[in-house]
Amino acid sequence: MTELNPWIDGLVALLLLIGAFFLLVGALGMLRFRDFFQRLHAPTKASTLGVGGVLIASMLYSAATGRLAIHELLITLFIFITAPVSANLLAKAALHLKLPSKAGHPERD
């Protein structure tokens, strides 16, 4: 195991914590929100940032140890491109099916 610069170690740890925080927020949003549209919003936004933080930390660690990190870059690009597109398509399908939304109606459960 190689000894890394403490600044790089700290930055990798910070990015991992930030990514884990956003993933936790997305998971809690899935539990808290009430309808399809709200539940769609929480994981797509939060998981994109969470997975991005973890993968960027992995790329930084790989670069610091002297390995090429092309697979982490490709995964990051794939997630950043496909998550918003799939969320958009799911929302359009739900609108087409006329799924009810509870947004703006706190008295409805």
PDB file of N, CA and C in Angstrom:
ATOM      1  N   MET A   1       0.843  -1.171   0.000  1.00  0.00           N
ATOM      2  CA  MET A   1       0.000   0.000   0.000  1.00  0.00           C
ATOM      3  C   MET A   1       0.892   1.239   0.000  1.00  0.00           C
ATOM      4  N   THR A   2       0.577   2.185  -0.839  1.00  0.00           N
ATOM      5  CA  THR A   2       1.404   3.385  -0.949  1.00  0.00           C
ATOM      6  C   THR A   2       0.889   4.475  -0.015  1.00  0.00           C
ATOM      7  N   GLU A   3       1.800   5.289   0.430  1.00  0.00           N
ATOM      8  CA  GLU A   3       1.462   6.412   1.298  1.00  0.00           C
ATOM      9  C   GLU A   3       1.129   7.613   0.412  1.00  0.00           C
ATOM     10  N   LEU A   4      -0.065   8.171   0.592  1.00  0.00           N
ATOM     11  CA  LEU A   4      -0.492   9.319  -0.207  1.00  0.00           C
ATOM     12  C   LEU A   4      -0.298  10.612   0.573  1.00  0.00           C
ATOM     13  N   ASN A   5      -0.315  11.683  -0.163  1.00  0.00           N
ATOM     14  CA  ASN A   5      -0.270  13.010   0.419  1.00  0.00           C
ATOM     15  C   ASN A   5      -1.503  13.183   1.321  1.00  0.00           C
ATOM     16  N   PRO A   6      -1.334  13.719   2.530  1.00  0.00           N
ATOM     17  CA  PRO A   6      -2.494  13.891   3.422  1.00  0.00           C
ATOM     18  C   PRO A   6      -3.589  14.780   2.833  1.00  0.00           C
ATOM     19  N   TRP A   7      -3.212  15.734   1.992  1.00  0.00           N
ATOM     20  CA  TRP A   7      -4.231  16.580   1.352  1.00  0.00           C
ATOM     21  C   TRP A   7      -5.095  15.766   0.392  1.00  0.00           C
ATOM     22  N   ILE A   8      -4.474  14.859  -0.329  1.00  0.00           N
ATOM     23  CA  ILE A   8      -5.236  14.015  -1.258  1.00  0.00           C
ATOM     24  C   ILE A   8      -6.118  13.056  -0.474  1.00  0.00           C
ATOM     25  N   ASP A   9      -5.579  12.485   0.602  1.00  0.00           N
ATOM     26  CA  ASP A   9      -6.384  11.622   1.467  1.00  0.00           C
ATOM     27  C   ASP A   9      -7.602  12.369   2.001  1.00  0.00           C
ATOM     28  N   GLY A  10      -7.393  13.577   2.459  1.00  0.00           N
ATOM     29  CA  GLY A  10      -8.490  14.382   2.993  1.00  0.00           C
ATOM     30  C   GLY A  10      -9.524  14.725   1.946  1.00  0.00           C
ATOM     31  N   LEU A  11      -9.063  15.060   0.740  1.00  0.00           N
ATOM     32  CA  LEU A  11      -9.989  15.398  -0.338  1.00  0.00           C
ATOM     33  C   LEU A  11     -10.798  14.182  -0.764  1.00  0.00           C
ATOM     34  N   VAL A  12     -10.147  13.024  -0.854  1.00  0.00           N
ATOM     35  CA  VAL A  12     -10.864  11.787  -1.196  1.00  0.00           C
ATOM     36  C   VAL A  12     -11.902  11.477  -0.118  1.00  0.00           C
ATOM     37  N   ALA A  13     -11.520  11.606   1.147  1.00  0.00           N
ATOM     38  CA  ALA A  13     -12.461  11.347   2.237  1.00  0.00           C
ATOM     39  C   ALA A  13     -13.625  12.332   2.208  1.00  0.00           C
ATOM     40  N   LEU A  14     -13.335  13.600   1.931  1.00  0.00           N
ATOM     41  CA  LEU A  14     -14.393  14.608   1.849  1.00  0.00           C
ATOM     42  C   LEU A  14     -15.364  14.301   0.717  1.00  0.00           C
ATOM     43  N   LEU A  15     -14.833  13.952  -0.455  1.00  0.00           N
ATOM     44  CA  LEU A  15     -15.701  13.614  -1.580  1.00  0.00           C
ATOM     45  C   LEU A  15     -16.546  12.372  -1.291  1.00  0.00           C
ATOM     46  N   LEU A  16     -15.976  11.394  -0.607  1.00  0.00           N
ATOM     47  CA  LEU A  16     -16.748  10.208  -0.230  1.00  0.00           C
ATOM     48  C   LEU A  16     -17.861  10.565   0.751  1.00  0.00           C
ATOM     49  N   LEU A  17     -17.570  11.440   1.703  1.00  0.00           N
ATOM     50  CA  LEU A  17     -18.602  11.852   2.659  1.00  0.00           C
ATOM     51  C   LEU A  17     -19.704  12.658   1.985  1.00  0.00           C
ATOM     52  N   ILE A  18     -19.325  13.542   1.078  1.00  0.00           N
ATOM     53  CA  ILE A  18     -20.326  14.327   0.352  1.00  0.00           C
ATOM     54  C   ILE A  18     -21.195  13.409  -0.499  1.00  0.00           C
ATOM     55  N   GLY A  19     -20.572  12.472  -1.195  1.00  0.00           N
ATOM     56  CA  GLY A  19     -21.332  11.525  -2.003  1.00  0.00           C
ATOM     57  C   GLY A  19     -22.264  10.676  -1.162  1.00  0.00           C
ATOM     58  N   ALA A  20     -21.774  10.189  -0.017  1.00  0.00           N
ATOM     59  CA  ALA A  20     -22.616   9.386   0.871  1.00  0.00           C
ATOM     60  C   ALA A  20     -23.775  10.208   1.427  1.00  0.00           C
ATOM     61  N   PHE A  21     -23.524  11.484   1.729  1.00  0.00           N
ATOM     62  CA  PHE A  21     -24.596  12.350   2.226  1.00  0.00           C
ATOM     63  C   PHE A  21     -25.709  12.498   1.192  1.00  0.00           C
ATOM     64  N   PHE A  22     -25.340  12.771  -0.056  1.00  0.00           N
ATOM     65  CA  PHE A  22     -26.357  12.932  -1.087  1.00  0.00           C
ATOM     66  C   PHE A  22     -27.109  11.629  -1.353  1.00  0.00           C
ATOM     67  N   LEU A  23     -26.417  10.495  -1.285  1.00  0.00           N
ATOM     68  CA  LEU A  23     -27.105   9.219  -1.447  1.00  0.00           C
ATOM     69  C   LEU A  23     -28.088   8.971  -0.304  1.00  0.00           C
ATOM     70  N   LEU A  24     -27.705   9.340   0.915  1.00  0.00           N
ATOM     71  CA  LEU A  24     -28.607   9.206   2.054  1.00  0.00           C
ATOM     72  C   LEU A  24     -29.822  10.117   1.904  1.00  0.00           C
ATOM     73  N   VAL A  25     -29.605  11.339   1.461  1.00  0.00           N
ATOM     74  CA  VAL A  25     -30.718  12.271   1.250  1.00  0.00           C
ATOM     75  C   VAL A  25     -31.682  11.726   0.193  1.00  0.00           C
ATOM     76  N   GLY A  26     -31.150  11.147  -0.869  1.00  0.00           N
ATOM     77  CA  GLY A  26     -32.009  10.553  -1.896  1.00  0.00           C
ATOM     78  C   GLY A  26     -32.819   9.386  -1.366  1.00  0.00           C
ATOM     79  N   ALA A  27     -32.206   8.554  -0.538  1.00  0.00           N
ATOM     80  CA  ALA A  27     -32.925   7.422   0.052  1.00  0.00           C
ATOM     81  C   ALA A  27     -34.011   7.901   1.007  1.00  0.00           C
ATOM     82  N   LEU A  28     -33.706   8.917   1.817  1.00  0.00           N
ATOM     83  CA  LEU A  28     -34.719   9.459   2.720  1.00  0.00           C
ATOM     84  C   LEU A  28     -35.850  10.134   1.956  1.00  0.00           C
ATOM     85  N   GLY A  29     -35.525  10.755   0.840  1.00  0.00           N
ATOM     86  CA  GLY A  29     -36.554  11.359   0.001  1.00  0.00           C
ATOM     87  C   GLY A  29     -37.515  10.322  -0.565  1.00  0.00           C
ATOM     88  N   MET A  30     -36.991   9.148  -0.885  1.00  0.00           N
ATOM     89  CA  MET A  30     -37.862   8.065  -1.362  1.00  0.00           C
ATOM     90  C   MET A  30     -38.851   7.654  -0.270  1.00  0.00           C
ATOM     91  N   LEU A  31     -38.427   7.669   0.965  1.00  0.00           N
ATOM     92  CA  LEU A  31     -39.313   7.287   2.065  1.00  0.00           C
ATOM     93  C   LEU A  31     -40.294   8.393   2.431  1.00  0.00           C
ATOM     94  N   ARG A  32     -39.849   9.632   2.347  1.00  0.00           N
ATOM     95  CA  ARG A  32     -40.652  10.748   2.833  1.00  0.00           C
ATOM     96  C   ARG A  32     -41.718  11.208   1.839  1.00  0.00           C
ATOM     97  N   PHE A  33     -41.367  11.280   0.579  1.00  0.00           N
ATOM     98  CA  PHE A  33     -42.298  11.841  -0.398  1.00  0.00           C
ATOM     99  C   PHE A  33     -43.453  10.899  -0.667  1.00  0.00           C
ATOM    100  N   ARG A  34     -44.593  11.488  -1.094  1.00  0.00           N
ATOM    101  CA  ARG A  34     -45.840  10.740  -1.125  1.00  0.00           C
ATOM    102  C   ARG A  34     -46.249  10.213  -2.492  1.00  0.00           C
ATOM    103  N   ASP A  35     -45.955  10.897  -3.559  1.00  0.00           N
ATOM    104  CA  ASP A  35     -46.440  10.424  -4.856  1.00  0.00           C
ATOM    105  C   ASP A  35     -45.284  10.187  -5.827  1.00  0.00           C
ATOM    106  N   PHE A  36     -45.632   9.700  -6.993  1.00  0.00           N
ATOM    107  CA  PHE A  36     -44.631   9.284  -7.976  1.00  0.00           C
ATOM    108  C   PHE A  36     -43.707  10.423  -8.375  1.00  0.00           C
ATOM    109  N   PHE A  37     -44.266  11.586  -8.649  1.00  0.00           N
ATOM    110  CA  PHE A  37     -43.467  12.698  -9.150  1.00  0.00           C
ATOM    111  C   PHE A  37     -42.470  13.194  -8.107  1.00  0.00           C
ATOM    112  N   GLN A  38     -42.891  13.259  -6.861  1.00  0.00           N
ATOM    113  CA  GLN A  38     -41.974  13.667  -5.804  1.00  0.00           C
ATOM    114  C   GLN A  38     -40.915  12.595  -5.560  1.00  0.00           C
ATOM    115  N   ARG A  39     -41.319  11.343  -5.595  1.00  0.00           N
ATOM    116  CA  ARG A  39     -40.356  10.258  -5.397  1.00  0.00           C
ATOM    117  C   ARG A  39     -39.383  10.151  -6.554  1.00  0.00           C
ATOM    118  N   LEU A  40     -39.783  10.571  -7.716  1.00  0.00           N
ATOM    119  CA  LEU A  40     -38.879  10.562  -8.867  1.00  0.00           C
ATOM    120  C   LEU A  40     -37.800  11.629  -8.717  1.00  0.00           C
ATOM    121  N   HIS A  41     -38.163  12.755  -8.134  1.00  0.00           N
ATOM    122  CA  HIS A  41     -37.223  13.877  -8.013  1.00  0.00           C
ATOM    123  C   HIS A  41     -36.078  13.571  -7.048  1.00  0.00           C
ATOM    124  N   ALA A  42     -36.399  12.995  -5.910  1.00  0.00           N
ATOM    125  CA  ALA A  42     -35.382  12.803  -4.858  1.00  0.00           C
ATOM    126  C   ALA A  42     -34.217  11.925  -5.305  1.00  0.00           C
ATOM    127  N   PRO A  43     -34.444  10.717  -5.783  1.00  0.00           N
ATOM    128  CA  PRO A  43     -33.284   9.879  -6.103  1.00  0.00           C
ATOM    129  C   PRO A  43     -32.538  10.309  -7.354  1.00  0.00           C
ATOM    130  N   THR A  44     -33.218  10.899  -8.335  1.00  0.00           N
ATOM    131  CA  THR A  44     -32.493  11.263  -9.549  1.00  0.00           C
ATOM    132  C   THR A  44     -31.510  12.397  -9.302  1.00  0.00           C
ATOM    133  N   LYS A  45     -31.928  13.382  -8.556  1.00  0.00           N
ATOM    134  CA  LYS A  45     -31.011  14.494  -8.278  1.00  0.00           C
ATOM    135  C   LYS A  45     -29.943  14.093  -7.280  1.00  0.00           C
ATOM    136  N   ALA A  46     -30.356  13.480  -6.193  1.00  0.00           N
ATOM    137  CA  ALA A  46     -29.414  13.158  -5.126  1.00  0.00           C
ATOM    138  C   ALA A  46     -28.457  12.040  -5.516  1.00  0.00           C
ATOM    139  N   SER A  47     -28.959  11.032  -6.201  1.00  0.00           N
ATOM    140  CA  SER A  47     -28.065   9.927  -6.548  1.00  0.00           C
ATOM    141  C   SER A  47     -27.059  10.328  -7.619  1.00  0.00           C
ATOM    142  N   THR A  48     -27.445  11.236  -8.500  1.00  0.00           N
ATOM    143  CA  THR A  48     -26.483  11.713  -9.488  1.00  0.00           C
ATOM    144  C   THR A  48     -25.321  12.411  -8.782  1.00  0.00           C
ATOM    145  N   LEU A  49     -25.632  13.263  -7.827  1.00  0.00           N
ATOM    146  CA  LEU A  49     -24.569  13.939  -7.080  1.00  0.00           C
ATOM    147  C   LEU A  49     -23.814  12.967  -6.188  1.00  0.00           C
ATOM    148  N   GLY A  50     -24.510  12.027  -5.573  1.00  0.00           N
ATOM    149  CA  GLY A  50     -23.862  11.064  -4.687  1.00  0.00           C
ATOM    150  C   GLY A  50     -22.918  10.135  -5.415  1.00  0.00           C
ATOM    151  N   VAL A  51     -23.401   9.540  -6.487  1.00  0.00           N
ATOM    152  CA  VAL A  51     -22.543   8.647  -7.273  1.00  0.00           C
ATOM    153  C   VAL A  51     -21.414   9.435  -7.915  1.00  0.00           C
ATOM    154  N   GLY A  52     -21.698  10.663  -8.330  1.00  0.00           N
ATOM    155  CA  GLY A  52     -20.648  11.512  -8.891  1.00  0.00           C
ATOM    156  C   GLY A  52     -19.544  11.799  -7.884  1.00  0.00           C
ATOM    157  N   GLY A  53     -19.916  12.094  -6.646  1.00  0.00           N
ATOM    158  CA  GLY A  53     -18.916  12.349  -5.618  1.00  0.00           C
ATOM    159  C   GLY A  53     -18.047  11.136  -5.339  1.00  0.00           C
ATOM    160  N   VAL A  54     -18.673   9.956  -5.260  1.00  0.00           N
ATOM    161  CA  VAL A  54     -17.919   8.729  -5.005  1.00  0.00           C
ATOM    162  C   VAL A  54     -16.986   8.416  -6.173  1.00  0.00           C
ATOM    163  N   LEU A  55     -17.477   8.566  -7.399  1.00  0.00           N
ATOM    164  CA  LEU A  55     -16.640   8.258  -8.559  1.00  0.00           C
ATOM    165  C   LEU A  55     -15.521   9.276  -8.755  1.00  0.00           C
ATOM    166  N   ILE A  56     -15.769  10.521  -8.453  1.00  0.00           N
ATOM    167  CA  ILE A  56     -14.705  11.518  -8.553  1.00  0.00           C
ATOM    168  C   ILE A  56     -13.639  11.241  -7.494  1.00  0.00           C
ATOM    169  N   ALA A  57     -14.061  10.821  -6.290  1.00  0.00           N
ATOM    170  CA  ALA A  57     -13.094  10.429  -5.258  1.00  0.00           C
ATOM    171  C   ALA A  57     -12.269   9.237  -5.735  1.00  0.00           C
ATOM    172  N   SER A  58     -12.912   8.287  -6.405  1.00  0.00           N
ATOM    173  CA  SER A  58     -12.196   7.123  -6.930  1.00  0.00           C
ATOM    174  C   SER A  58     -11.204   7.522  -8.018  1.00  0.00           C
ATOM    175  N   MET A  59     -11.606   8.449  -8.891  1.00  0.00           N
ATOM    176  CA  MET A  59     -10.697   8.928  -9.934  1.00  0.00           C
ATOM    177  C   MET A  59      -9.497   9.649  -9.317  1.00  0.00           C
ATOM    178  N   LEU A  60      -9.741  10.458  -8.302  1.00  0.00           N
ATOM    179  CA  LEU A  60      -8.655  11.174  -7.640  1.00  0.00           C
ATOM    180  C   LEU A  60      -7.690  10.202  -6.972  1.00  0.00           C
ATOM    181  N   TYR A  61      -8.225   9.189  -6.301  1.00  0.00           N
ATOM    182  CA  TYR A  61      -7.375   8.190  -5.658  1.00  0.00           C
ATOM    183  C   TYR A  61      -6.560   7.409  -6.689  1.00  0.00           C
ATOM    184  N   SER A  62      -7.210   7.030  -7.796  1.00  0.00           N
ATOM    185  CA  SER A  62      -6.495   6.303  -8.849  1.00  0.00           C
ATOM    186  C   SER A  62      -5.386   7.152  -9.454  1.00  0.00           C
ATOM    187  N   ALA A  63      -5.667   8.421  -9.689  1.00  0.00           N
ATOM    188  CA  ALA A  63      -4.650   9.309 -10.257  1.00  0.00           C
ATOM    189  C   ALA A  63      -3.496   9.508  -9.279  1.00  0.00           C
ATOM    190  N   ALA A  64      -3.807   9.580  -7.987  1.00  0.00           N
ATOM    191  CA  ALA A  64      -2.754   9.779  -6.990  1.00  0.00           C
ATOM    192  C   ALA A  64      -1.866   8.552  -6.836  1.00  0.00           C
ATOM    193  N   THR A  65      -2.400   7.371  -7.106  1.00  0.00           N
ATOM    194  CA  THR A  65      -1.601   6.145  -7.007  1.00  0.00           C
ATOM    195  C   THR A  65      -0.937   5.788  -8.329  1.00  0.00           C
ATOM    196  N   GLY A  66      -1.154   6.595  -9.360  1.00  0.00           N
ATOM    197  CA  GLY A  66      -0.474   6.384 -10.629  1.00  0.00           C
ATOM    198  C   GLY A  66      -1.179   5.469 -11.606  1.00  0.00           C
ATOM    199  N   ARG A  67      -2.434   5.147 -11.352  1.00  0.00           N
ATOM    200  CA  ARG A  67      -3.190   4.304 -12.281  1.00  0.00           C
ATOM    201  C   ARG A  67      -4.088   5.170 -13.154  1.00  0.00           C
ATOM    202  N   LEU A  68      -4.341   4.699 -14.348  1.00  0.00           N
ATOM    203  CA  LEU A  68      -5.245   5.395 -15.257  1.00  0.00           C
ATOM    204  C   LEU A  68      -6.680   5.130 -14.826  1.00  0.00           C
ATOM    205  N   ALA A  69      -7.493   6.169 -14.719  1.00  0.00           N
ATOM    206  CA  ALA A  69      -8.850   6.057 -14.181  1.00  0.00           C
ATOM    207  C   ALA A  69      -9.897   6.268 -15.265  1.00  0.00           C
ATOM    208  N   ILE A  70      -9.720   5.632 -16.409  1.00  0.00           N
ATOM    209  CA  ILE A  70     -10.657   5.855 -17.504  1.00  0.00           C
ATOM    210  C   ILE A  70     -12.015   5.211 -17.236  1.00  0.00           C
ATOM    211  N   HIS A  71     -12.046   4.067 -16.544  1.00  0.00           N
ATOM    212  CA  HIS A  71     -13.340   3.425 -16.317  1.00  0.00           C
ATOM    213  C   HIS A  71     -14.198   4.238 -15.348  1.00  0.00           C
ATOM    214  N   GLU A  72     -13.604   4.898 -14.354  1.00  0.00           N
ATOM    215  CA  GLU A  72     -14.381   5.760 -13.471  1.00  0.00           C
ATOM    216  C   GLU A  72     -14.930   6.966 -14.232  1.00  0.00           C
ATOM    217  N   LEU A  73     -14.135   7.508 -15.140  1.00  0.00           N
ATOM    218  CA  LEU A  73     -14.604   8.629 -15.950  1.00  0.00           C
ATOM    219  C   LEU A  73     -15.775   8.213 -16.823  1.00  0.00           C
ATOM    220  N   LEU A  74     -15.696   7.043 -17.436  1.00  0.00           N
ATOM    221  CA  LEU A  74     -16.790   6.574 -18.280  1.00  0.00           C
ATOM    222  C   LEU A  74     -18.060   6.310 -17.466  1.00  0.00           C
ATOM    223  N   ILE A  75     -17.921   5.728 -16.292  1.00  0.00           N
ATOM    224  CA  ILE A  75     -19.086   5.496 -15.431  1.00  0.00           C
ATOM    225  C   ILE A  75     -19.723   6.823 -15.029  1.00  0.00           C
ATOM    226  N   THR A  76     -18.895   7.799 -14.653  1.00  0.00           N
ATOM    227  CA  THR A  76     -19.406   9.110 -14.258  1.00  0.00           C
ATOM    228  C   THR A  76     -20.171   9.766 -15.403  1.00  0.00           C
ATOM    229  N   LEU A  77     -19.597   9.756 -16.592  1.00  0.00           N
ATOM    230  CA  LEU A  77     -20.282  10.335 -17.753  1.00  0.00           C
ATOM    231  C   LEU A  77     -21.582   9.600 -18.053  1.00  0.00           C
ATOM    232  N   PHE A  78     -21.572   8.281 -17.951  1.00  0.00           N
ATOM    233  CA  PHE A  78     -22.774   7.486 -18.216  1.00  0.00           C
ATOM    234  C   PHE A  78     -23.878   7.836 -17.216  1.00  0.00           C
ATOM    235  N   ILE A  79     -23.544   7.927 -15.938  1.00  0.00           N
ATOM    236  CA  ILE A  79     -24.545   8.261 -14.913  1.00  0.00           C
ATOM    237  C   ILE A  79     -25.072   9.680 -15.119  1.00  0.00           C
ATOM    238  N   PHE A  80     -24.173  10.632 -15.373  1.00  0.00           N
ATOM    239  CA  PHE A  80     -24.600  12.020 -15.538  1.00  0.00           C
ATOM    240  C   PHE A  80     -25.470  12.219 -16.776  1.00  0.00           C
ATOM    241  N   ILE A  81     -25.312  11.383 -17.777  1.00  0.00           N
ATOM    242  CA  ILE A  81     -26.122  11.508 -18.985  1.00  0.00           C
ATOM    243  C   ILE A  81     -27.432  10.738 -18.855  1.00  0.00           C
ATOM    244  N   THR A  82     -27.381   9.506 -18.340  1.00  0.00           N
ATOM    245  CA  THR A  82     -28.574   8.659 -18.355  1.00  0.00           C
ATOM    246  C   THR A  82     -29.563   8.946 -17.237  1.00  0.00           C
ATOM    247  N   ALA A  83     -29.123   9.368 -16.062  1.00  0.00           N
ATOM    248  CA  ALA A  83     -30.061   9.593 -14.954  1.00  0.00           C
ATOM    249  C   ALA A  83     -31.078  10.702 -15.260  1.00  0.00           C
ATOM    250  N   PRO A  84     -30.667  11.870 -15.725  1.00  0.00           N
ATOM    251  CA  PRO A  84     -31.672  12.892 -16.041  1.00  0.00           C
ATOM    252  C   PRO A  84     -32.570  12.500 -17.222  1.00  0.00           C
ATOM    253  N   VAL A  85     -32.015  11.823 -18.203  1.00  0.00           N
ATOM    254  CA  VAL A  85     -32.812  11.425 -19.367  1.00  0.00           C
ATOM    255  C   VAL A  85     -33.871  10.393 -18.968  1.00  0.00           C
ATOM    256  N   SER A  86     -33.472   9.404 -18.168  1.00  0.00           N
ATOM    257  CA  SER A  86     -34.445   8.395 -17.748  1.00  0.00           C
ATOM    258  C   SER A  86     -35.512   9.000 -16.835  1.00  0.00           C
ATOM    259  N   ALA A  87     -35.128   9.934 -15.962  1.00  0.00           N
ATOM    260  CA  ALA A  87     -36.116  10.600 -15.109  1.00  0.00           C
ATOM    261  C   ALA A  87     -37.104  11.403 -15.955  1.00  0.00           C
ATOM    262  N   ASN A  88     -36.608  12.064 -16.973  1.00  0.00           N
ATOM    263  CA  ASN A  88     -37.478  12.827 -17.865  1.00  0.00           C
ATOM    264  C   ASN A  88     -38.461  11.910 -18.587  1.00  0.00           C
ATOM    265  N   LEU A  89     -37.973  10.779 -19.074  1.00  0.00           N
ATOM    266  CA  LEU A  89     -38.862   9.846 -19.777  1.00  0.00           C
ATOM    267  C   LEU A  89     -39.894   9.233 -18.838  1.00  0.00           C
ATOM    268  N   LEU A  90     -39.497   8.914 -17.611  1.00  0.00           N
ATOM    269  CA  LEU A  90     -40.451   8.394 -16.633  1.00  0.00           C
ATOM    270  C   LEU A  90     -41.521   9.436 -16.300  1.00  0.00           C
ATOM    271  N   ALA A  91     -41.130  10.691 -16.145  1.00  0.00           N
ATOM    272  CA  ALA A  91     -42.095  11.753 -15.853  1.00  0.00           C
ATOM    273  C   ALA A  91     -43.055  11.962 -17.022  1.00  0.00           C
ATOM    274  N   LYS A  92     -42.535  11.921 -18.245  1.00  0.00           N
ATOM    275  CA  LYS A  92     -43.412  12.066 -19.408  1.00  0.00           C
ATOM    276  C   LYS A  92     -44.397  10.912 -19.511  1.00  0.00           C
ATOM    277  N   ALA A  93     -43.946   9.699 -19.217  1.00  0.00           N
ATOM    278  CA  ALA A  93     -44.847   8.547 -19.240  1.00  0.00           C
ATOM    279  C   ALA A  93     -45.921   8.682 -18.163  1.00  0.00           C
ATOM    280  N   ALA A  94     -45.542   9.160 -16.980  1.00  0.00           N
ATOM    281  CA  ALA A  94     -46.518   9.347 -15.904  1.00  0.00           C
ATOM    282  C   ALA A  94     -47.531  10.431 -16.272  1.00  0.00           C
ATOM    283  N   LEU A  95     -47.078  11.492 -16.913  1.00  0.00           N
ATOM    284  CA  LEU A  95     -48.012  12.525 -17.365  1.00  0.00           C
ATOM    285  C   LEU A  95     -48.949  11.982 -18.435  1.00  0.00           C
ATOM    286  N   HIS A  96     -48.421  11.187 -19.321  1.00  0.00           N
ATOM    287  CA  HIS A  96     -49.247  10.586 -20.375  1.00  0.00           C
ATOM    288  C   HIS A  96     -50.318   9.664 -19.784  1.00  0.00           C
ATOM    289  N   LEU A  97     -49.959   8.941 -18.719  1.00  0.00           N
ATOM    290  CA  LEU A  97     -50.914   8.048 -18.052  1.00  0.00           C
ATOM    291  C   LEU A  97     -51.819   8.788 -17.064  1.00  0.00           C
ATOM    292  N   LYS A  98     -51.594  10.099 -16.921  1.00  0.00           N
ATOM    293  CA  LYS A  98     -52.378  10.961 -16.034  1.00  0.00           C
ATOM    294  C   LYS A  98     -52.356  10.480 -14.581  1.00  0.00           C
ATOM    295  N   LEU A  99     -51.147  10.158 -14.097  1.00  0.00           N
ATOM    296  CA  LEU A  99     -50.996   9.786 -12.693  1.00  0.00           C
ATOM    297  C   LEU A  99     -51.292  10.998 -11.817  1.00  0.00           C
ATOM    298  N   PRO A 100     -52.033  10.813 -10.722  1.00  0.00           N
ATOM    299  CA  PRO A 100     -52.333  11.961  -9.864  1.00  0.00           C
ATOM    300  C   PRO A 100     -51.097  12.408  -9.080  1.00  0.00           C
ATOM    301  N   SER A 101     -51.055  13.702  -8.819  1.00  0.00           N
ATOM    302  CA  SER A 101     -49.963  14.278  -8.037  1.00  0.00           C
ATOM    303  C   SER A 101     -50.539  14.928  -6.791  1.00  0.00           C
ATOM    304  N   LYS A 102     -49.844  14.774  -5.674  1.00  0.00           N
ATOM    305  CA  LYS A 102     -50.280  15.393  -4.420  1.00  0.00           C
ATOM    306  C   LYS A 102     -49.511  16.671  -4.146  1.00  0.00           C
ATOM    307  N   ALA A 103     -48.729  17.130  -5.076  1.00  0.00           N
ATOM    308  CA  ALA A 103     -47.947  18.343  -4.884  1.00  0.00           C
ATOM    309  C   ALA A 103     -48.882  19.544  -4.767  1.00  0.00           C
ATOM    310  N   GLY A 104     -48.663  20.366  -3.783  1.00  0.00           N
ATOM    311  CA  GLY A 104     -49.474  21.553  -3.584  1.00  0.00           C
ATOM    312  C   GLY A 104     -50.769  21.288  -2.862  1.00  0.00           C
ATOM    313  N   HIS A 105     -51.015  20.046  -2.455  1.00  0.00           N
ATOM    314  CA  HIS A 105     -52.231  19.682  -1.745  1.00  0.00           C
ATOM    315  C   HIS A 105     -51.878  18.947  -0.462  1.00  0.00           C
ATOM    316  N   PRO A 106     -51.458  19.671   0.593  1.00  0.00           N
ATOM    317  CA  PRO A 106     -51.017  18.993   1.814  1.00  0.00           C
ATOM    318  C   PRO A 106     -52.126  18.264   2.549  1.00  0.00           C
ATOM    319  N   GLU A 107     -53.396  18.653   2.297  1.00  0.00           N
ATOM    320  CA  GLU A 107     -54.483  18.000   3.022  1.00  0.00           C
ATOM    321  C   GLU A 107     -54.825  16.629   2.456  1.00  0.00           C
ATOM    322  N   ARG A 108     -54.398  16.351   1.223  1.00  0.00           N
ATOM    323  CA  ARG A 108     -54.654  15.035   0.618  1.00  0.00           C
ATOM    324  C   ARG A 108     -53.572  14.075   1.039  1.00  0.00           C
ATOM    325  N   ASP A 109     -53.940  12.858   1.377  1.00  0.00           N
ATOM    326  CA  ASP A 109     -52.971  11.823   1.748  1.00  0.00           C
ATOM    327  C   ASP A 109     -53.041  10.680   0.842  1.00  0.00           C
TER     328      ASP A 109
END
